[in-house]
Amino acid sequence: MRQPMIVDRPALIVVDMQKGGGLPLEQVGIPVMPGYAEQVPRAVAMVEAARAAGVPVIFFQEVHRRSLVDFGRELDGVETVHGLDGDYATELDDALQPQPGDDLIVKRRYSCFFGTELEILLKGLGVSTLILIGGLTDVCVHYTFVDGHQRNYFVRVVEDCVLGSSQSAHDASLNAMEYLQSGARRTTAEILEAFAEIGGRVMTPAEVSA
């Protein structure tokens, strides 16, 4: 059965919106499907609408020590060294910087739950619904979704505000998340409208794409 879009208090989880998202594989070590330039203004609209509605905004940034000691098995697949502390590509996008009242959590692995204080923060905020944007759809977003699902959160993924390592991987992960929670796949427009109902201001499609 398709679930409600938002149950009780939501939080917006901004997953790894870092400058490397707009750079080629050779420079960042991770393949990313096209669309980062279009994704950023959607993410900005989401963040601004969440703030206006009083919805908690939690930014995540994947950062690794330059010694590589905290990569673990992360380099066993397609990805090469990436997200090194101090690198330009590791920095959060200039348009998506935490503001007073937001939270920023640095993570060393894919899931936003793994080895972080996220769950403590969510419990303190009284959050029941997680709204995920960012990347990669098939890696950090997907694994965060699964961990949230297994912890009994309602989880929503904004399908036009996430990017995967490829189009096929992106599509497969969106389908897998929808399999776990019917109604998980949502659009930027739907979430903006929901935030407006909570107390923010809904943005027009023209404003989102400007």
N, C-alpha and C. Protein backbone atom coordinates (compact mmCIF):
# COMPACT_ATOMS: atom_id res chain seq x y z
N MET A 1 0.84 -1.19 0.00
CA MET A 1 0.00 0.00 0.00
C MET A 1 0.88 1.25 0.00
N ARG A 2 0.56 2.20 -0.86
CA ARG A 2 1.33 3.44 -0.95
C ARG A 2 1.22 4.22 0.36
N GLN A 3 2.37 4.61 0.90
CA GLN A 3 2.42 5.28 2.19
C GLN A 3 2.27 6.79 2.02
N PRO A 4 1.87 7.51 3.10
CA PRO A 4 1.81 8.97 3.03
C PRO A 4 3.19 9.54 2.72
N MET A 5 3.23 10.72 2.14
CA MET A 5 4.51 11.32 1.79
C MET A 5 5.32 11.66 3.04
N ILE A 6 4.68 12.27 4.01
CA ILE A 6 5.36 12.66 5.24
C ILE A 6 4.53 12.19 6.43
N VAL A 7 5.19 11.52 7.36
CA VAL A 7 4.54 11.06 8.59
C VAL A 7 5.19 11.77 9.76
N ASP A 8 4.39 12.49 10.52
CA ASP A 8 4.88 13.24 11.67
C ASP A 8 5.99 14.21 11.23
N ARG A 9 7.07 14.32 11.99
CA ARG A 9 8.07 15.35 11.68
C ARG A 9 9.12 14.84 10.68
N PRO A 10 9.35 15.58 9.60
CA PRO A 10 10.37 15.17 8.63
C PRO A 10 11.71 15.87 8.90
N ALA A 11 12.75 15.33 8.28
CA ALA A 11 14.05 16.00 8.20
C ALA A 11 14.55 15.84 6.78
N LEU A 12 15.21 16.86 6.28
CA LEU A 12 15.82 16.82 4.95
C LEU A 12 17.28 16.42 5.11
N ILE A 13 17.66 15.31 4.48
CA ILE A 13 19.02 14.79 4.55
C ILE A 13 19.71 15.08 3.22
N VAL A 14 20.72 15.94 3.25
CA VAL A 14 21.44 16.34 2.04
C VAL A 14 22.73 15.52 1.99
N VAL A 15 22.75 14.53 1.10
CA VAL A 15 23.82 13.53 1.09
C VAL A 15 24.92 13.91 0.09
N ASP A 16 26.06 14.28 0.62
CA ASP A 16 27.29 14.43 -0.17
C ASP A 16 27.14 15.32 -1.40
N MET A 17 26.53 16.48 -1.23
CA MET A 17 26.48 17.45 -2.33
C MET A 17 27.80 18.21 -2.34
N GLN A 18 28.81 17.56 -2.91
CA GLN A 18 30.18 18.06 -2.89
C GLN A 18 30.62 18.46 -4.30
N LYS A 19 31.64 19.29 -4.36
CA LYS A 19 32.06 19.87 -5.64
C LYS A 19 32.47 18.82 -6.67
N GLY A 20 32.86 17.66 -6.22
CA GLY A 20 33.22 16.60 -7.15
C GLY A 20 32.08 16.10 -7.99
N GLY A 21 30.83 16.41 -7.58
CA GLY A 21 29.67 15.95 -8.33
C GLY A 21 29.62 16.49 -9.74
N GLY A 22 30.27 17.62 -9.97
CA GLY A 22 30.27 18.21 -11.30
C GLY A 22 31.56 18.02 -12.05
N LEU A 23 32.44 17.15 -11.54
CA LEU A 23 33.75 16.94 -12.17
C LEU A 23 33.86 15.55 -12.78
N PRO A 24 34.74 15.38 -13.79
CA PRO A 24 34.88 14.07 -14.45
C PRO A 24 35.54 13.04 -13.54
N LEU A 25 35.33 11.78 -13.90
CA LEU A 25 35.84 10.64 -13.13
C LEU A 25 37.33 10.77 -12.83
N GLU A 26 38.11 11.21 -13.81
CA GLU A 26 39.56 11.27 -13.64
C GLU A 26 39.96 12.22 -12.51
N GLN A 27 39.13 13.19 -12.22
CA GLN A 27 39.46 14.18 -11.19
C GLN A 27 38.92 13.82 -9.82
N VAL A 28 37.89 12.99 -9.75
CA VAL A 28 37.26 12.72 -8.46
C VAL A 28 37.31 11.25 -8.04
N GLY A 29 37.57 10.34 -8.96
CA GLY A 29 37.66 8.94 -8.60
C GLY A 29 36.35 8.20 -8.52
N ILE A 30 35.24 8.88 -8.83
CA ILE A 30 33.91 8.26 -8.76
C ILE A 30 33.14 8.60 -10.04
N PRO A 31 32.54 7.61 -10.71
CA PRO A 31 31.69 7.92 -11.87
C PRO A 31 30.36 8.51 -11.42
N VAL A 32 29.91 9.55 -12.10
CA VAL A 32 28.62 10.17 -11.79
C VAL A 32 27.88 10.44 -13.10
N MET A 33 26.62 10.07 -13.15
CA MET A 33 25.82 10.33 -14.35
C MET A 33 25.66 11.84 -14.56
N PRO A 34 25.39 12.27 -15.78
CA PRO A 34 25.20 13.70 -16.04
C PRO A 34 24.00 14.26 -15.27
N GLY A 35 24.03 15.59 -15.05
CA GLY A 35 22.87 16.23 -14.45
C GLY A 35 23.15 17.03 -13.19
N TYR A 36 24.42 17.12 -12.79
CA TYR A 36 24.73 17.81 -11.54
C TYR A 36 24.32 19.29 -11.59
N ALA A 37 24.56 19.95 -12.72
CA ALA A 37 24.23 21.37 -12.82
C ALA A 37 22.74 21.61 -12.65
N GLU A 38 21.92 20.66 -13.09
CA GLU A 38 20.47 20.77 -12.94
C GLU A 38 20.03 20.36 -11.53
N GLN A 39 20.78 19.48 -10.91
CA GLN A 39 20.43 19.00 -9.57
C GLN A 39 20.62 20.08 -8.51
N VAL A 40 21.67 20.88 -8.64
CA VAL A 40 22.01 21.85 -7.60
C VAL A 40 20.87 22.83 -7.31
N PRO A 41 20.28 23.50 -8.33
CA PRO A 41 19.19 24.43 -8.00
C PRO A 41 17.98 23.75 -7.37
N ARG A 42 17.72 22.50 -7.73
CA ARG A 42 16.63 21.78 -7.08
C ARG A 42 16.96 21.56 -5.60
N ALA A 43 18.20 21.17 -5.34
CA ALA A 43 18.62 20.95 -3.96
C ALA A 43 18.56 22.25 -3.16
N VAL A 44 18.98 23.35 -3.76
CA VAL A 44 18.92 24.64 -3.08
C VAL A 44 17.47 24.99 -2.74
N ALA A 45 16.57 24.76 -3.68
CA ALA A 45 15.15 25.03 -3.43
C ALA A 45 14.62 24.18 -2.29
N MET A 46 15.04 22.93 -2.25
CA MET A 46 14.59 22.04 -1.17
C MET A 46 15.09 22.52 0.18
N VAL A 47 16.37 22.87 0.23
CA VAL A 47 16.96 23.33 1.49
C VAL A 47 16.29 24.61 1.98
N GLU A 48 16.10 25.56 1.07
CA GLU A 48 15.49 26.82 1.46
C GLU A 48 14.04 26.63 1.92
N ALA A 49 13.32 25.76 1.23
CA ALA A 49 11.93 25.49 1.62
C ALA A 49 11.87 24.78 2.97
N ALA A 50 12.81 23.88 3.21
CA ALA A 50 12.84 23.18 4.51
C ALA A 50 13.10 24.17 5.63
N ARG A 51 14.08 25.04 5.43
CA ARG A 51 14.37 26.04 6.47
C ARG A 51 13.15 26.92 6.74
N ALA A 52 12.49 27.35 5.67
CA ALA A 52 11.33 28.22 5.83
C ALA A 52 10.20 27.52 6.58
N ALA A 53 10.12 26.21 6.42
CA ALA A 53 9.06 25.43 7.06
C ALA A 53 9.43 24.95 8.46
N GLY A 54 10.66 25.22 8.88
CA GLY A 54 11.10 24.73 10.18
C GLY A 54 11.45 23.26 10.18
N VAL A 55 11.71 22.71 8.98
CA VAL A 55 12.11 21.30 8.85
C VAL A 55 13.62 21.20 9.06
N PRO A 56 14.10 20.34 9.94
CA PRO A 56 15.55 20.22 10.14
C PRO A 56 16.27 19.84 8.84
N VAL A 57 17.41 20.48 8.62
CA VAL A 57 18.25 20.18 7.46
C VAL A 57 19.58 19.63 7.98
N ILE A 58 19.92 18.43 7.52
CA ILE A 58 21.15 17.77 7.96
C ILE A 58 22.02 17.50 6.74
N PHE A 59 23.17 18.14 6.69
CA PHE A 59 24.11 17.96 5.59
C PHE A 59 25.10 16.85 5.94
N PHE A 60 25.43 16.06 4.93
CA PHE A 60 26.49 15.06 5.08
C PHE A 60 27.60 15.32 4.08
N GLN A 61 28.81 15.02 4.52
CA GLN A 61 29.99 15.19 3.68
C GLN A 61 30.89 13.98 3.88
N GLU A 62 31.17 13.28 2.78
CA GLU A 62 32.08 12.13 2.87
C GLU A 62 33.51 12.64 2.77
N VAL A 63 34.28 12.38 3.81
CA VAL A 63 35.67 12.84 3.88
C VAL A 63 36.54 11.68 4.36
N HIS A 64 37.67 11.50 3.69
CA HIS A 64 38.62 10.45 4.08
C HIS A 64 39.97 11.05 4.43
N ARG A 65 40.62 10.44 5.39
CA ARG A 65 41.97 10.87 5.77
C ARG A 65 42.93 10.63 4.60
N ARG A 66 43.90 11.51 4.50
CA ARG A 66 44.85 11.41 3.38
C ARG A 66 45.74 10.17 3.50
N SER A 67 45.81 9.58 4.67
CA SER A 67 46.56 8.33 4.85
C SER A 67 45.83 7.14 4.26
N LEU A 68 44.54 7.32 3.90
CA LEU A 68 43.66 6.28 3.34
C LEU A 68 43.26 5.21 4.36
N VAL A 69 43.58 5.44 5.63
CA VAL A 69 43.36 4.42 6.65
C VAL A 69 41.88 4.11 6.86
N ASP A 70 40.99 5.04 6.51
CA ASP A 70 39.57 4.82 6.80
C ASP A 70 38.75 4.42 5.57
N PHE A 71 39.39 3.99 4.49
CA PHE A 71 38.64 3.56 3.31
C PHE A 71 38.06 2.16 3.46
N GLY A 72 38.76 1.28 4.16
CA GLY A 72 38.27 -0.09 4.27
C GLY A 72 38.17 -0.76 2.91
N ARG A 73 37.00 -1.41 2.65
CA ARG A 73 36.78 -2.13 1.39
C ARG A 73 36.25 -1.21 0.29
N GLU A 74 36.19 0.09 0.55
CA GLU A 74 35.55 1.02 -0.38
C GLU A 74 36.26 1.11 -1.73
N LEU A 75 37.52 0.72 -1.79
CA LEU A 75 38.27 0.81 -3.04
C LEU A 75 38.38 -0.53 -3.77
N ASP A 76 37.58 -1.51 -3.33
CA ASP A 76 37.64 -2.83 -3.96
C ASP A 76 36.86 -2.91 -5.26
N GLY A 77 35.98 -1.93 -5.51
CA GLY A 77 35.14 -1.95 -6.70
C GLY A 77 35.60 -0.95 -7.74
N VAL A 78 34.65 -0.26 -8.33
CA VAL A 78 34.93 0.69 -9.41
C VAL A 78 35.60 1.96 -8.91
N GLU A 79 35.22 2.41 -7.71
CA GLU A 79 35.73 3.68 -7.21
C GLU A 79 37.21 3.62 -6.88
N THR A 80 37.90 4.72 -7.21
CA THR A 80 39.29 4.87 -6.80
C THR A 80 39.33 5.89 -5.66
N VAL A 81 40.53 6.30 -5.26
CA VAL A 81 40.66 7.23 -4.14
C VAL A 81 39.86 8.50 -4.41
N HIS A 82 39.08 8.93 -3.42
CA HIS A 82 38.20 10.08 -3.57
C HIS A 82 37.91 10.67 -2.20
N GLY A 83 37.38 11.88 -2.18
CA GLY A 83 36.92 12.48 -0.94
C GLY A 83 38.02 12.75 0.07
N LEU A 84 39.25 13.00 -0.39
CA LEU A 84 40.33 13.22 0.56
C LEU A 84 40.19 14.57 1.26
N ASP A 85 40.48 14.57 2.54
CA ASP A 85 40.40 15.78 3.34
C ASP A 85 41.30 16.86 2.73
N GLY A 86 40.71 18.03 2.49
CA GLY A 86 41.47 19.15 1.94
C GLY A 86 41.38 19.31 0.44
N ASP A 87 40.88 18.31 -0.27
CA ASP A 87 40.77 18.41 -1.73
C ASP A 87 39.58 19.28 -2.12
N TYR A 88 39.72 19.97 -3.23
CA TYR A 88 38.65 20.83 -3.74
C TYR A 88 37.37 20.03 -3.95
N ALA A 89 37.48 18.86 -4.56
CA ALA A 89 36.30 18.06 -4.89
C ALA A 89 35.56 17.58 -3.65
N THR A 90 36.22 17.56 -2.51
CA THR A 90 35.62 17.08 -1.28
C THR A 90 34.77 18.15 -0.60
N GLU A 91 35.01 19.40 -0.92
CA GLU A 91 34.28 20.50 -0.29
C GLU A 91 32.80 20.45 -0.67
N LEU A 92 31.95 20.89 0.24
CA LEU A 92 30.54 21.02 -0.08
C LEU A 92 30.35 22.07 -1.17
N ASP A 93 29.36 21.86 -2.01
CA ASP A 93 29.06 22.82 -3.07
C ASP A 93 28.83 24.20 -2.46
N ASP A 94 29.33 25.23 -3.13
CA ASP A 94 29.20 26.59 -2.61
C ASP A 94 27.74 27.00 -2.38
N ALA A 95 26.84 26.46 -3.21
CA ALA A 95 25.42 26.82 -3.11
C ALA A 95 24.70 26.06 -2.01
N LEU A 96 25.37 25.09 -1.41
CA LEU A 96 24.73 24.22 -0.42
C LEU A 96 25.60 24.13 0.83
N GLN A 97 25.67 25.25 1.52
CA GLN A 97 26.45 25.34 2.74
C GLN A 97 25.53 25.38 3.96
N PRO A 98 25.87 24.66 5.02
CA PRO A 98 25.05 24.72 6.24
C PRO A 98 24.97 26.13 6.78
N GLN A 99 23.81 26.47 7.28
CA GLN A 99 23.55 27.76 7.91
C GLN A 99 23.23 27.54 9.39
N PRO A 100 23.27 28.61 10.19
CA PRO A 100 22.89 28.45 11.60
C PRO A 100 21.53 27.76 11.72
N GLY A 101 21.49 26.75 12.54
CA GLY A 101 20.27 25.96 12.70
C GLY A 101 20.32 24.64 11.95
N ASP A 102 21.19 24.55 10.94
CA ASP A 102 21.38 23.30 10.22
C ASP A 102 22.41 22.45 10.97
N ASP A 103 22.53 21.19 10.57
CA ASP A 103 23.57 20.33 11.11
C ASP A 103 24.44 19.79 9.98
N LEU A 104 25.71 19.59 10.28
CA LEU A 104 26.66 19.00 9.34
C LEU A 104 27.33 17.81 10.01
N ILE A 105 27.29 16.67 9.34
CA ILE A 105 27.93 15.46 9.85
C ILE A 105 28.91 14.95 8.80
N VAL A 106 30.14 14.72 9.21
CA VAL A 106 31.15 14.12 8.34
C VAL A 106 31.09 12.61 8.50
N LYS A 107 31.10 11.91 7.39
CA LYS A 107 31.06 10.44 7.45
C LYS A 107 32.25 9.85 6.70
N ARG A 108 32.59 8.65 7.07
CA ARG A 108 33.73 7.95 6.46
C ARG A 108 33.30 6.84 5.52
N ARG A 109 32.05 6.42 5.61
CA ARG A 109 31.55 5.33 4.78
C ARG A 109 30.29 5.77 4.06
N TYR A 110 29.63 4.84 3.38
CA TYR A 110 28.51 5.20 2.52
C TYR A 110 27.28 5.66 3.30
N SER A 111 26.77 4.83 4.17
CA SER A 111 25.53 5.14 4.86
C SER A 111 25.70 6.30 5.83
N CYS A 112 24.71 7.19 5.84
CA CYS A 112 24.74 8.31 6.78
C CYS A 112 24.57 7.84 8.23
N PHE A 113 24.15 6.60 8.43
CA PHE A 113 23.98 6.05 9.77
C PHE A 113 25.26 5.41 10.29
N PHE A 114 26.10 4.92 9.39
CA PHE A 114 27.22 4.07 9.80
C PHE A 114 28.33 4.91 10.46
N GLY A 115 28.54 4.66 11.76
CA GLY A 115 29.62 5.32 12.47
C GLY A 115 29.41 6.81 12.71
N THR A 116 28.16 7.28 12.63
CA THR A 116 27.87 8.70 12.85
C THR A 116 26.86 8.85 13.99
N GLU A 117 26.62 10.13 14.35
CA GLU A 117 25.66 10.42 15.40
C GLU A 117 24.27 10.71 14.84
N LEU A 118 23.99 10.33 13.60
CA LEU A 118 22.72 10.68 12.97
C LEU A 118 21.53 10.21 13.78
N GLU A 119 21.53 8.97 14.23
CA GLU A 119 20.35 8.47 14.92
C GLU A 119 20.11 9.21 16.24
N ILE A 120 21.17 9.56 16.93
CA ILE A 120 21.02 10.33 18.16
C ILE A 120 20.38 11.68 17.84
N LEU A 121 20.84 12.31 16.77
CA LEU A 121 20.30 13.60 16.36
C LEU A 121 18.83 13.49 15.98
N LEU A 122 18.49 12.47 15.19
CA LEU A 122 17.10 12.30 14.77
C LEU A 122 16.17 12.07 15.95
N LYS A 123 16.63 11.29 16.91
CA LYS A 123 15.80 11.03 18.10
C LYS A 123 15.59 12.33 18.87
N GLY A 124 16.65 13.13 19.00
CA GLY A 124 16.52 14.39 19.71
C GLY A 124 15.59 15.36 19.02
N LEU A 125 15.57 15.32 17.69
CA LEU A 125 14.71 16.21 16.91
C LEU A 125 13.28 15.69 16.80
N GLY A 126 13.06 14.45 17.19
CA GLY A 126 11.73 13.87 17.08
C GLY A 126 11.31 13.59 15.65
N VAL A 127 12.26 13.18 14.82
CA VAL A 127 12.01 12.97 13.39
C VAL A 127 11.49 11.56 13.12
N SER A 128 10.50 11.47 12.23
CA SER A 128 9.97 10.16 11.82
C SER A 128 10.19 9.89 10.33
N THR A 129 10.24 10.96 9.51
CA THR A 129 10.37 10.80 8.06
C THR A 129 11.67 11.42 7.58
N LEU A 130 12.44 10.65 6.82
CA LEU A 130 13.69 11.13 6.24
C LEU A 130 13.47 11.40 4.76
N ILE A 131 13.85 12.57 4.31
CA ILE A 131 13.74 12.94 2.90
C ILE A 131 15.16 13.07 2.35
N LEU A 132 15.52 12.21 1.41
CA LEU A 132 16.89 12.11 0.93
C LEU A 132 17.08 12.79 -0.42
N ILE A 133 18.10 13.65 -0.49
CA ILE A 133 18.56 14.21 -1.76
C ILE A 133 20.08 14.08 -1.80
N GLY A 134 20.66 14.21 -3.00
CA GLY A 134 22.12 14.19 -3.11
C GLY A 134 22.61 13.04 -3.95
N GLY A 135 23.63 12.35 -3.47
CA GLY A 135 24.21 11.27 -4.27
C GLY A 135 25.12 10.36 -3.44
N LEU A 136 25.53 9.33 -4.05
CA LEU A 136 25.02 8.75 -5.29
C LEU A 136 23.78 7.92 -4.98
N THR A 137 22.84 7.94 -5.92
CA THR A 137 21.59 7.22 -5.73
C THR A 137 21.82 5.77 -5.34
N ASP A 138 22.74 5.10 -6.05
CA ASP A 138 22.96 3.67 -5.87
C ASP A 138 23.99 3.35 -4.79
N VAL A 139 24.54 4.36 -4.16
CA VAL A 139 25.55 4.10 -3.14
C VAL A 139 25.10 4.75 -1.82
N CYS A 140 25.54 5.96 -1.55
CA CYS A 140 25.27 6.56 -0.23
C CYS A 140 23.79 6.80 0.03
N VAL A 141 23.05 7.22 -0.99
CA VAL A 141 21.61 7.43 -0.80
C VAL A 141 20.90 6.11 -0.54
N HIS A 142 21.21 5.12 -1.36
CA HIS A 142 20.56 3.81 -1.22
C HIS A 142 20.85 3.17 0.14
N TYR A 143 22.12 3.19 0.53
CA TYR A 143 22.48 2.54 1.79
C TYR A 143 21.91 3.29 2.99
N THR A 144 21.81 4.61 2.89
CA THR A 144 21.17 5.39 3.95
C THR A 144 19.69 5.05 4.02
N PHE A 145 19.06 4.92 2.86
CA PHE A 145 17.65 4.56 2.81
C PHE A 145 17.42 3.22 3.51
N VAL A 146 18.24 2.24 3.16
CA VAL A 146 18.06 0.90 3.73
C VAL A 146 18.27 0.93 5.25
N ASP A 147 19.30 1.62 5.70
CA ASP A 147 19.55 1.69 7.14
C ASP A 147 18.41 2.42 7.86
N GLY A 148 17.88 3.48 7.24
CA GLY A 148 16.73 4.16 7.83
C GLY A 148 15.51 3.28 7.87
N HIS A 149 15.28 2.55 6.80
CA HIS A 149 14.15 1.62 6.72
C HIS A 149 14.23 0.58 7.83
N GLN A 150 15.42 0.03 8.03
CA GLN A 150 15.59 -1.02 9.04
C GLN A 150 15.51 -0.47 10.46
N ARG A 151 15.61 0.83 10.59
CA ARG A 151 15.44 1.47 11.90
C ARG A 151 14.03 2.02 12.07
N ASN A 152 13.13 1.64 11.17
CA ASN A 152 11.70 1.98 11.25
C ASN A 152 11.38 3.44 10.95
N TYR A 153 12.27 4.13 10.22
CA TYR A 153 11.92 5.46 9.74
C TYR A 153 11.12 5.35 8.44
N PHE A 154 10.26 6.31 8.21
CA PHE A 154 9.67 6.47 6.89
C PHE A 154 10.73 7.21 6.05
N VAL A 155 11.04 6.67 4.88
CA VAL A 155 12.12 7.27 4.09
C VAL A 155 11.60 7.58 2.69
N ARG A 156 11.90 8.78 2.23
CA ARG A 156 11.50 9.23 0.90
C ARG A 156 12.75 9.67 0.14
N VAL A 157 12.85 9.28 -1.11
CA VAL A 157 13.96 9.68 -1.97
C VAL A 157 13.41 10.58 -3.07
N VAL A 158 14.00 11.75 -3.25
CA VAL A 158 13.53 12.71 -4.23
C VAL A 158 14.20 12.38 -5.56
N GLU A 159 13.48 11.69 -6.42
CA GLU A 159 14.08 11.04 -7.58
C GLU A 159 14.69 11.98 -8.59
N ASP A 160 14.23 13.24 -8.65
CA ASP A 160 14.85 14.19 -9.58
C ASP A 160 15.85 15.10 -8.87
N CYS A 161 16.22 14.73 -7.64
CA CYS A 161 17.22 15.49 -6.89
C CYS A 161 18.30 14.56 -6.33
N VAL A 162 18.46 13.40 -6.98
CA VAL A 162 19.56 12.49 -6.70
C VAL A 162 20.20 12.08 -8.02
N LEU A 163 21.48 11.76 -7.97
CA LEU A 163 22.20 11.28 -9.15
C LEU A 163 22.94 10.00 -8.80
N GLY A 164 22.98 9.07 -9.78
CA GLY A 164 23.66 7.81 -9.56
C GLY A 164 25.00 7.74 -10.26
N SER A 165 25.66 6.62 -10.11
CA SER A 165 26.93 6.41 -10.80
C SER A 165 26.71 6.21 -12.30
N SER A 166 25.51 5.80 -12.66
CA SER A 166 25.09 5.68 -14.06
C SER A 166 23.57 5.74 -14.09
N GLN A 167 23.00 5.93 -15.26
CA GLN A 167 21.54 5.98 -15.37
C GLN A 167 20.92 4.66 -14.95
N SER A 168 21.52 3.56 -15.40
CA SER A 168 20.95 2.25 -15.08
C SER A 168 21.01 1.95 -13.59
N ALA A 169 22.13 2.30 -12.96
CA ALA A 169 22.26 2.08 -11.52
C ALA A 169 21.30 2.97 -10.74
N HIS A 170 21.15 4.21 -11.19
CA HIS A 170 20.21 5.16 -10.60
C HIS A 170 18.79 4.59 -10.63
N ASP A 171 18.37 4.14 -11.80
CA ASP A 171 17.01 3.61 -11.96
C ASP A 171 16.79 2.37 -11.12
N ALA A 172 17.78 1.49 -11.10
CA ALA A 172 17.65 0.24 -10.34
C ALA A 172 17.52 0.53 -8.84
N SER A 173 18.29 1.47 -8.34
CA SER A 173 18.23 1.78 -6.92
C SER A 173 16.91 2.45 -6.54
N LEU A 174 16.43 3.34 -7.39
CA LEU A 174 15.12 3.96 -7.12
C LEU A 174 14.04 2.89 -7.04
N ASN A 175 14.09 1.93 -7.95
CA ASN A 175 13.11 0.84 -7.93
C ASN A 175 13.25 -0.01 -6.66
N ALA A 176 14.50 -0.24 -6.24
CA ALA A 176 14.73 -1.04 -5.04
C ALA A 176 14.21 -0.33 -3.79
N MET A 177 14.39 0.98 -3.74
CA MET A 177 13.89 1.73 -2.59
C MET A 177 12.36 1.75 -2.56
N GLU A 178 11.76 1.89 -3.73
CA GLU A 178 10.30 1.85 -3.82
C GLU A 178 9.77 0.48 -3.40
N TYR A 179 10.53 -0.56 -3.69
CA TYR A 179 10.14 -1.91 -3.28
C TYR A 179 10.05 -2.00 -1.76
N LEU A 180 10.97 -1.34 -1.05
CA LEU A 180 10.98 -1.41 0.41
C LEU A 180 9.86 -0.60 1.03
N GLN A 181 9.55 0.58 0.45
CA GLN A 181 8.50 1.42 0.99
C GLN A 181 7.70 2.00 -0.18
N SER A 182 6.49 1.53 -0.35
CA SER A 182 5.64 2.03 -1.43
C SER A 182 5.37 3.52 -1.22
N GLY A 183 5.64 4.31 -2.25
CA GLY A 183 5.49 5.75 -2.12
C GLY A 183 6.79 6.43 -1.74
N ALA A 184 7.90 5.67 -1.72
CA ALA A 184 9.20 6.25 -1.35
C ALA A 184 9.68 7.24 -2.40
N ARG A 185 9.43 6.94 -3.68
CA ARG A 185 9.91 7.81 -4.75
C ARG A 185 9.01 9.04 -4.87
N ARG A 186 9.61 10.21 -4.69
CA ARG A 186 8.88 11.46 -4.77
C ARG A 186 9.65 12.45 -5.64
N THR A 187 9.01 13.55 -6.00
CA THR A 187 9.65 14.56 -6.84
C THR A 187 9.90 15.82 -6.03
N THR A 188 10.77 16.67 -6.59
CA THR A 188 11.05 17.95 -5.95
C THR A 188 9.76 18.74 -5.77
N ALA A 189 8.93 18.78 -6.79
CA ALA A 189 7.69 19.54 -6.72
C ALA A 189 6.79 19.04 -5.60
N GLU A 190 6.69 17.73 -5.43
CA GLU A 190 5.85 17.17 -4.37
C GLU A 190 6.36 17.56 -2.98
N ILE A 191 7.67 17.49 -2.80
CA ILE A 191 8.23 17.80 -1.48
C ILE A 191 8.12 19.29 -1.20
N LEU A 192 8.35 20.14 -2.20
CA LEU A 192 8.21 21.57 -1.99
C LEU A 192 6.78 21.92 -1.57
N GLU A 193 5.82 21.25 -2.19
CA GLU A 193 4.42 21.49 -1.83
C GLU A 193 4.15 21.04 -0.40
N ALA A 194 4.73 19.91 -0.04
CA ALA A 194 4.54 19.41 1.33
C ALA A 194 5.16 20.35 2.35
N PHE A 195 6.35 20.87 2.04
CA PHE A 195 6.99 21.82 2.95
C PHE A 195 6.15 23.10 3.06
N ALA A 196 5.56 23.50 1.95
CA ALA A 196 4.70 24.70 1.98
C ALA A 196 3.53 24.49 2.91
N GLU A 197 2.96 23.30 2.91
CA GLU A 197 1.84 23.00 3.79
C GLU A 197 2.27 23.00 5.26
N ILE A 198 3.52 22.60 5.50
CA ILE A 198 4.02 22.58 6.86
C ILE A 198 4.22 24.01 7.38
N GLY A 199 4.50 24.91 6.48
CA GLY A 199 4.68 26.29 6.95
C GLY A 199 5.63 27.11 6.12
N GLY A 200 6.16 26.52 5.03
CA GLY A 200 7.07 27.27 4.19
C GLY A 200 6.36 27.88 3.00
N ARG A 201 7.13 28.28 2.05
CA ARG A 201 6.60 28.91 0.84
C ARG A 201 6.92 28.01 -0.33
N VAL A 202 5.90 27.62 -1.09
CA VAL A 202 6.13 26.77 -2.25
C VAL A 202 6.77 27.60 -3.37
N MET A 203 7.77 27.00 -4.04
CA MET A 203 8.45 27.67 -5.13
C MET A 203 7.89 27.19 -6.46
N THR A 204 7.80 28.05 -7.42
CA THR A 204 7.30 27.67 -8.75
C THR A 204 8.37 26.89 -9.49
N PRO A 205 8.00 26.09 -10.52
CA PRO A 205 9.00 25.39 -11.32
C PRO A 205 10.02 26.33 -11.93
N ALA A 206 9.60 27.54 -12.31
CA ALA A 206 10.54 28.50 -12.90
C ALA A 206 11.60 28.92 -11.89
N GLU A 207 11.19 29.10 -10.64
CA GLU A 207 12.14 29.47 -9.62
C GLU A 207 13.12 28.36 -9.33
N VAL A 208 12.62 27.12 -9.38
CA VAL A 208 13.48 25.98 -9.11
C VAL A 208 14.57 25.85 -10.17
N SER A 209 14.21 26.08 -11.43
CA SER A 209 15.15 25.88 -12.53
C SER A 209 15.98 27.11 -12.86
N ALA A 210 15.69 28.22 -12.19
CA ALA A 210 16.39 29.49 -12.50
C ALA A 210 17.86 29.40 -12.11
